[in-house]
Amino acid sequence: MVWFLYLFSFLLVAGGAFAILYTEESRRYTAEILEGGSQKLIAVVAAVIGILLIVSAPSSKMLGFVVALGVLALAKGAVIWFNPRGMYEATRDWFINRASDQTFRLFGIIWLIIGTAMFSWV
């Protein structure tokens, strides 16, 4: 399952760089995915990524960190699926409409750091 860790790390680095360098395009692309996609499909994708991270964690030098990311992804999928008190819509609306460009760049920096760290731990 090393291939998944490399793929996930690459996507984090690429997504982080895209969010930092092309903030407005990143915002539009994120809005298209979150508003055009099915809420249940997004939840299932998050849960599958979480399961794949947990399964591939033994291939990493930082087992605990990768397992923690997988558990967070599973929790994210569960929250999106069950949507307690409209939390998904409220968070989506904030992220798409009210979050500043600096917020998008901050998420990009975090993704870039995590992706680079995961590359070095595989």
N, C-alpha and C. Protein backbone atom coordinates (compact mmCIF):
# COMPACT_ATOMS: atom_id res chain seq x y z
N MET A 1 0.79 -1.19 0.00
CA MET A 1 0.00 0.00 0.00
C MET A 1 0.85 1.28 0.00
N VAL A 2 2.12 1.11 -0.28
CA VAL A 2 3.01 2.27 -0.35
C VAL A 2 2.56 3.20 -1.47
N TRP A 3 2.04 2.63 -2.53
CA TRP A 3 1.60 3.44 -3.67
C TRP A 3 0.55 4.46 -3.24
N PHE A 4 -0.36 4.06 -2.33
CA PHE A 4 -1.40 4.99 -1.89
C PHE A 4 -0.81 6.14 -1.08
N LEU A 5 0.17 5.83 -0.23
CA LEU A 5 0.81 6.90 0.54
C LEU A 5 1.52 7.89 -0.38
N TYR A 6 2.20 7.37 -1.40
CA TYR A 6 2.84 8.27 -2.36
C TYR A 6 1.80 9.10 -3.13
N LEU A 7 0.74 8.46 -3.57
CA LEU A 7 -0.31 9.16 -4.31
C LEU A 7 -0.96 10.23 -3.43
N PHE A 8 -1.31 9.87 -2.20
CA PHE A 8 -1.95 10.81 -1.29
C PHE A 8 -1.02 11.98 -0.98
N SER A 9 0.26 11.69 -0.76
CA SER A 9 1.24 12.74 -0.48
C SER A 9 1.37 13.68 -1.67
N PHE A 10 1.44 13.10 -2.86
CA PHE A 10 1.55 13.92 -4.07
C PHE A 10 0.33 14.82 -4.23
N LEU A 11 -0.87 14.27 -4.00
CA LEU A 11 -2.08 15.06 -4.14
C LEU A 11 -2.14 16.18 -3.10
N LEU A 12 -1.66 15.91 -1.89
CA LEU A 12 -1.61 16.97 -0.87
C LEU A 12 -0.65 18.08 -1.28
N VAL A 13 0.52 17.71 -1.78
CA VAL A 13 1.50 18.72 -2.20
C VAL A 13 0.95 19.52 -3.38
N ALA A 14 0.40 18.82 -4.37
CA ALA A 14 -0.13 19.51 -5.55
C ALA A 14 -1.32 20.39 -5.18
N GLY A 15 -2.22 19.88 -4.38
CA GLY A 15 -3.38 20.66 -3.96
C GLY A 15 -2.99 21.86 -3.11
N GLY A 16 -2.01 21.67 -2.24
CA GLY A 16 -1.54 22.78 -1.42
C GLY A 16 -0.89 23.87 -2.26
N ALA A 17 -0.06 23.48 -3.21
CA ALA A 17 0.58 24.46 -4.09
C ALA A 17 -0.47 25.19 -4.92
N PHE A 18 -1.47 24.46 -5.41
CA PHE A 18 -2.54 25.07 -6.20
C PHE A 18 -3.32 26.08 -5.36
N ALA A 19 -3.62 25.72 -4.11
CA ALA A 19 -4.39 26.61 -3.24
C ALA A 19 -3.60 27.87 -2.89
N ILE A 20 -2.28 27.74 -2.79
CA ILE A 20 -1.44 28.89 -2.45
C ILE A 20 -1.27 29.80 -3.67
N LEU A 21 -0.94 29.22 -4.80
CA LEU A 21 -0.60 30.02 -5.97
C LEU A 21 -1.82 30.53 -6.74
N TYR A 22 -2.87 29.73 -6.81
CA TYR A 22 -4.06 30.08 -7.59
C TYR A 22 -5.28 30.06 -6.68
N THR A 23 -5.32 31.00 -5.75
CA THR A 23 -6.34 30.99 -4.71
C THR A 23 -7.75 31.14 -5.28
N GLU A 24 -7.95 32.07 -6.17
CA GLU A 24 -9.30 32.30 -6.71
C GLU A 24 -9.77 31.10 -7.53
N GLU A 25 -8.91 30.51 -8.33
CA GLU A 25 -9.28 29.32 -9.09
C GLU A 25 -9.55 28.14 -8.15
N SER A 26 -8.77 28.05 -7.10
CA SER A 26 -8.97 27.00 -6.11
C SER A 26 -10.33 27.14 -5.44
N ARG A 27 -10.71 28.37 -5.13
CA ARG A 27 -12.01 28.62 -4.52
C ARG A 27 -13.15 28.20 -5.47
N ARG A 28 -13.03 28.55 -6.75
CA ARG A 28 -14.06 28.19 -7.73
C ARG A 28 -14.15 26.67 -7.90
N TYR A 29 -12.99 26.02 -8.00
CA TYR A 29 -12.96 24.56 -8.17
C TYR A 29 -13.57 23.86 -6.96
N THR A 30 -13.23 24.33 -5.76
CA THR A 30 -13.79 23.75 -4.54
C THR A 30 -15.31 23.95 -4.49
N ALA A 31 -15.77 25.12 -4.88
CA ALA A 31 -17.21 25.39 -4.89
C ALA A 31 -17.93 24.46 -5.86
N GLU A 32 -17.35 24.23 -7.03
CA GLU A 32 -17.97 23.34 -8.01
C GLU A 32 -18.09 21.93 -7.47
N ILE A 33 -17.06 21.46 -6.78
CA ILE A 33 -17.09 20.10 -6.24
C ILE A 33 -18.10 20.00 -5.10
N LEU A 34 -18.05 20.94 -4.15
CA LEU A 34 -18.90 20.85 -2.98
C LEU A 34 -20.37 21.14 -3.28
N GLU A 35 -20.64 22.05 -4.20
CA GLU A 35 -22.04 22.36 -4.51
C GLU A 35 -22.61 21.45 -5.59
N GLY A 36 -21.77 20.95 -6.49
CA GLY A 36 -22.26 20.10 -7.57
C GLY A 36 -22.29 18.64 -7.22
N GLY A 37 -21.47 18.22 -6.26
CA GLY A 37 -21.39 16.81 -5.91
C GLY A 37 -22.43 16.43 -4.87
N SER A 38 -22.71 15.17 -4.81
CA SER A 38 -23.64 14.64 -3.83
C SER A 38 -22.97 14.62 -2.45
N GLN A 39 -23.71 15.02 -1.45
CA GLN A 39 -23.19 15.02 -0.08
C GLN A 39 -22.80 13.61 0.35
N LYS A 40 -23.61 12.63 0.01
CA LYS A 40 -23.33 11.23 0.39
C LYS A 40 -22.08 10.72 -0.33
N LEU A 41 -21.90 11.11 -1.58
CA LEU A 41 -20.70 10.69 -2.32
C LEU A 41 -19.44 11.28 -1.69
N ILE A 42 -19.50 12.55 -1.30
CA ILE A 42 -18.35 13.17 -0.65
C ILE A 42 -18.04 12.47 0.67
N ALA A 43 -19.07 12.07 1.41
CA ALA A 43 -18.87 11.34 2.66
C ALA A 43 -18.22 9.99 2.43
N VAL A 44 -18.67 9.28 1.40
CA VAL A 44 -18.10 7.96 1.11
C VAL A 44 -16.64 8.09 0.66
N VAL A 45 -16.34 9.09 -0.16
CA VAL A 45 -14.95 9.30 -0.60
C VAL A 45 -14.05 9.59 0.60
N ALA A 46 -14.51 10.42 1.53
CA ALA A 46 -13.72 10.73 2.73
C ALA A 46 -13.49 9.46 3.56
N ALA A 47 -14.53 8.64 3.71
CA ALA A 47 -14.41 7.42 4.49
C ALA A 47 -13.46 6.41 3.82
N VAL A 48 -13.55 6.29 2.51
CA VAL A 48 -12.66 5.37 1.78
C VAL A 48 -11.21 5.82 1.90
N ILE A 49 -10.97 7.12 1.80
CA ILE A 49 -9.61 7.63 1.98
C ILE A 49 -9.12 7.32 3.38
N GLY A 50 -9.99 7.49 4.38
CA GLY A 50 -9.62 7.16 5.75
C GLY A 50 -9.26 5.69 5.92
N ILE A 51 -10.06 4.82 5.34
CA ILE A 51 -9.77 3.38 5.43
C ILE A 51 -8.46 3.05 4.73
N LEU A 52 -8.23 3.62 3.55
CA LEU A 52 -6.99 3.37 2.83
C LEU A 52 -5.77 3.90 3.61
N LEU A 53 -5.92 5.02 4.27
CA LEU A 53 -4.81 5.54 5.08
C LEU A 53 -4.51 4.61 6.24
N ILE A 54 -5.55 4.12 6.90
CA ILE A 54 -5.34 3.21 8.03
C ILE A 54 -4.69 1.91 7.56
N VAL A 55 -5.16 1.38 6.44
CA VAL A 55 -4.61 0.12 5.92
C VAL A 55 -3.16 0.30 5.47
N SER A 56 -2.83 1.44 4.89
CA SER A 56 -1.48 1.65 4.39
C SER A 56 -0.53 2.22 5.44
N ALA A 57 -1.01 2.51 6.63
CA ALA A 57 -0.18 3.10 7.68
C ALA A 57 1.06 2.26 8.04
N PRO A 58 0.99 0.93 8.09
CA PRO A 58 2.19 0.16 8.43
C PRO A 58 3.35 0.34 7.44
N SER A 59 3.07 0.84 6.25
CA SER A 59 4.12 1.09 5.27
C SER A 59 4.87 2.39 5.54
N SER A 60 4.39 3.17 6.49
CA SER A 60 4.98 4.46 6.79
C SER A 60 5.87 4.37 8.03
N LYS A 61 6.83 5.28 8.11
CA LYS A 61 7.69 5.35 9.29
C LYS A 61 6.97 6.02 10.46
N MET A 62 5.93 6.79 10.17
CA MET A 62 5.15 7.47 11.20
C MET A 62 3.74 6.87 11.24
N LEU A 63 3.66 5.65 11.73
CA LEU A 63 2.41 4.90 11.75
C LEU A 63 1.31 5.66 12.46
N GLY A 64 1.59 6.22 13.61
CA GLY A 64 0.57 6.90 14.40
C GLY A 64 -0.03 8.11 13.70
N PHE A 65 0.81 8.88 13.02
CA PHE A 65 0.33 10.06 12.33
C PHE A 65 -0.59 9.68 11.17
N VAL A 66 -0.20 8.68 10.41
CA VAL A 66 -1.02 8.26 9.26
C VAL A 66 -2.33 7.65 9.74
N VAL A 67 -2.29 6.89 10.83
CA VAL A 67 -3.53 6.34 11.40
C VAL A 67 -4.42 7.47 11.89
N ALA A 68 -3.83 8.49 12.52
CA ALA A 68 -4.62 9.63 13.00
C ALA A 68 -5.29 10.35 11.83
N LEU A 69 -4.56 10.53 10.72
CA LEU A 69 -5.17 11.14 9.53
C LEU A 69 -6.33 10.28 9.01
N GLY A 70 -6.13 8.96 9.03
CA GLY A 70 -7.19 8.05 8.58
C GLY A 70 -8.41 8.12 9.47
N VAL A 71 -8.21 8.19 10.77
CA VAL A 71 -9.34 8.28 11.70
C VAL A 71 -10.06 9.62 11.51
N LEU A 72 -9.30 10.70 11.31
CA LEU A 72 -9.93 12.00 11.05
C LEU A 72 -10.75 11.97 9.76
N ALA A 73 -10.22 11.31 8.73
CA ALA A 73 -10.96 11.21 7.47
C ALA A 73 -12.24 10.38 7.65
N LEU A 74 -12.16 9.30 8.44
CA LEU A 74 -13.37 8.51 8.72
C LEU A 74 -14.39 9.34 9.49
N ALA A 75 -13.93 10.10 10.47
CA ALA A 75 -14.83 10.96 11.24
C ALA A 75 -15.46 12.02 10.36
N LYS A 76 -14.66 12.58 9.45
CA LYS A 76 -15.19 13.58 8.51
C LYS A 76 -16.28 12.96 7.64
N GLY A 77 -16.03 11.76 7.15
CA GLY A 77 -17.04 11.08 6.34
C GLY A 77 -18.32 10.82 7.12
N ALA A 78 -18.18 10.42 8.39
CA ALA A 78 -19.37 10.17 9.21
C ALA A 78 -20.15 11.45 9.48
N VAL A 79 -19.45 12.54 9.78
CA VAL A 79 -20.13 13.82 10.03
C VAL A 79 -20.85 14.30 8.77
N ILE A 80 -20.19 14.18 7.62
CA ILE A 80 -20.84 14.60 6.38
C ILE A 80 -22.04 13.72 6.07
N TRP A 81 -21.91 12.42 6.30
CA TRP A 81 -23.01 11.49 6.01
C TRP A 81 -24.23 11.77 6.89
N PHE A 82 -24.02 11.88 8.21
CA PHE A 82 -25.14 12.05 9.14
C PHE A 82 -25.56 13.51 9.29
N ASN A 83 -24.68 14.45 9.02
CA ASN A 83 -24.97 15.88 8.97
C ASN A 83 -25.77 16.38 10.18
N PRO A 84 -25.18 16.29 11.38
CA PRO A 84 -25.92 16.73 12.57
C PRO A 84 -26.18 18.24 12.54
N ARG A 85 -27.45 18.61 12.72
CA ARG A 85 -27.91 20.00 12.78
C ARG A 85 -27.43 20.85 11.60
N GLY A 86 -27.34 20.27 10.43
CA GLY A 86 -26.97 21.02 9.23
C GLY A 86 -25.53 21.50 9.23
N MET A 87 -24.66 20.78 9.93
CA MET A 87 -23.26 21.19 10.06
C MET A 87 -22.55 21.21 8.71
N TYR A 88 -22.85 20.25 7.84
CA TYR A 88 -22.18 20.20 6.54
C TYR A 88 -22.49 21.44 5.71
N GLU A 89 -23.77 21.80 5.62
CA GLU A 89 -24.14 22.97 4.82
C GLU A 89 -23.55 24.25 5.38
N ALA A 90 -23.55 24.39 6.71
CA ALA A 90 -23.01 25.60 7.33
C ALA A 90 -21.50 25.71 7.08
N THR A 91 -20.80 24.61 7.23
CA THR A 91 -19.35 24.62 7.01
C THR A 91 -19.03 24.85 5.54
N ARG A 92 -19.78 24.21 4.66
CA ARG A 92 -19.57 24.39 3.22
C ARG A 92 -19.82 25.83 2.82
N ASP A 93 -20.90 26.40 3.33
CA ASP A 93 -21.22 27.80 3.01
C ASP A 93 -20.13 28.73 3.51
N TRP A 94 -19.64 28.51 4.72
CA TRP A 94 -18.57 29.35 5.24
C TRP A 94 -17.31 29.23 4.39
N PHE A 95 -16.93 27.99 4.07
CA PHE A 95 -15.68 27.75 3.34
C PHE A 95 -15.73 28.34 1.94
N ILE A 96 -16.87 28.25 1.29
CA ILE A 96 -16.97 28.73 -0.09
C ILE A 96 -17.19 30.24 -0.15
N ASN A 97 -18.07 30.76 0.69
CA ASN A 97 -18.50 32.15 0.55
C ASN A 97 -17.83 33.14 1.50
N ARG A 98 -17.55 32.73 2.72
CA ARG A 98 -17.07 33.71 3.69
C ARG A 98 -15.62 33.57 4.09
N ALA A 99 -14.98 32.45 3.80
CA ALA A 99 -13.57 32.29 4.15
C ALA A 99 -12.72 33.23 3.28
N SER A 100 -11.73 33.83 3.88
CA SER A 100 -10.90 34.78 3.14
C SER A 100 -9.87 34.04 2.29
N ASP A 101 -9.21 34.79 1.41
CA ASP A 101 -8.15 34.20 0.60
C ASP A 101 -7.01 33.70 1.49
N GLN A 102 -6.76 34.38 2.59
CA GLN A 102 -5.71 33.95 3.51
C GLN A 102 -6.06 32.60 4.13
N THR A 103 -7.33 32.34 4.34
CA THR A 103 -7.75 31.05 4.87
C THR A 103 -7.46 29.94 3.88
N PHE A 104 -7.76 30.18 2.60
CA PHE A 104 -7.46 29.19 1.57
C PHE A 104 -5.96 28.96 1.49
N ARG A 105 -5.18 30.01 1.57
CA ARG A 105 -3.72 29.87 1.53
C ARG A 105 -3.21 29.12 2.75
N LEU A 106 -3.81 29.37 3.91
CA LEU A 106 -3.41 28.64 5.12
C LEU A 106 -3.66 27.15 4.96
N PHE A 107 -4.83 26.79 4.44
CA PHE A 107 -5.11 25.37 4.18
C PHE A 107 -4.09 24.81 3.17
N GLY A 108 -3.74 25.59 2.17
CA GLY A 108 -2.73 25.15 1.20
C GLY A 108 -1.38 24.91 1.86
N ILE A 109 -0.98 25.80 2.76
CA ILE A 109 0.29 25.63 3.46
C ILE A 109 0.26 24.36 4.32
N ILE A 110 -0.86 24.14 5.01
CA ILE A 110 -0.98 22.94 5.86
C ILE A 110 -0.91 21.69 5.00
N TRP A 111 -1.63 21.66 3.87
CA TRP A 111 -1.59 20.50 2.98
C TRP A 111 -0.18 20.28 2.45
N LEU A 112 0.49 21.35 2.09
CA LEU A 112 1.85 21.25 1.55
C LEU A 112 2.80 20.66 2.60
N ILE A 113 2.70 21.11 3.83
CA ILE A 113 3.57 20.60 4.89
C ILE A 113 3.28 19.13 5.18
N ILE A 114 2.01 18.78 5.30
CA ILE A 114 1.66 17.38 5.58
C ILE A 114 2.07 16.48 4.43
N GLY A 115 1.84 16.90 3.19
CA GLY A 115 2.22 16.09 2.04
C GLY A 115 3.72 15.89 1.95
N THR A 116 4.49 16.95 2.19
CA THR A 116 5.96 16.84 2.16
C THR A 116 6.45 15.92 3.28
N ALA A 117 5.86 16.06 4.46
CA ALA A 117 6.27 15.20 5.56
C ALA A 117 5.94 13.74 5.27
N MET A 118 4.77 13.49 4.69
CA MET A 118 4.41 12.11 4.37
C MET A 118 5.33 11.52 3.32
N PHE A 119 5.75 12.35 2.34
CA PHE A 119 6.71 11.86 1.35
C PHE A 119 7.99 11.38 2.03
N SER A 120 8.45 12.12 3.02
CA SER A 120 9.70 11.74 3.68
C SER A 120 9.53 10.56 4.62
N TRP A 121 8.31 10.26 5.04
CA TRP A 121 8.09 9.15 5.96
C TRP A 121 7.80 7.83 5.27
N VAL A 122 7.63 7.82 3.97
CA VAL A 122 7.32 6.56 3.28
C VAL A 122 8.60 5.78 3.05
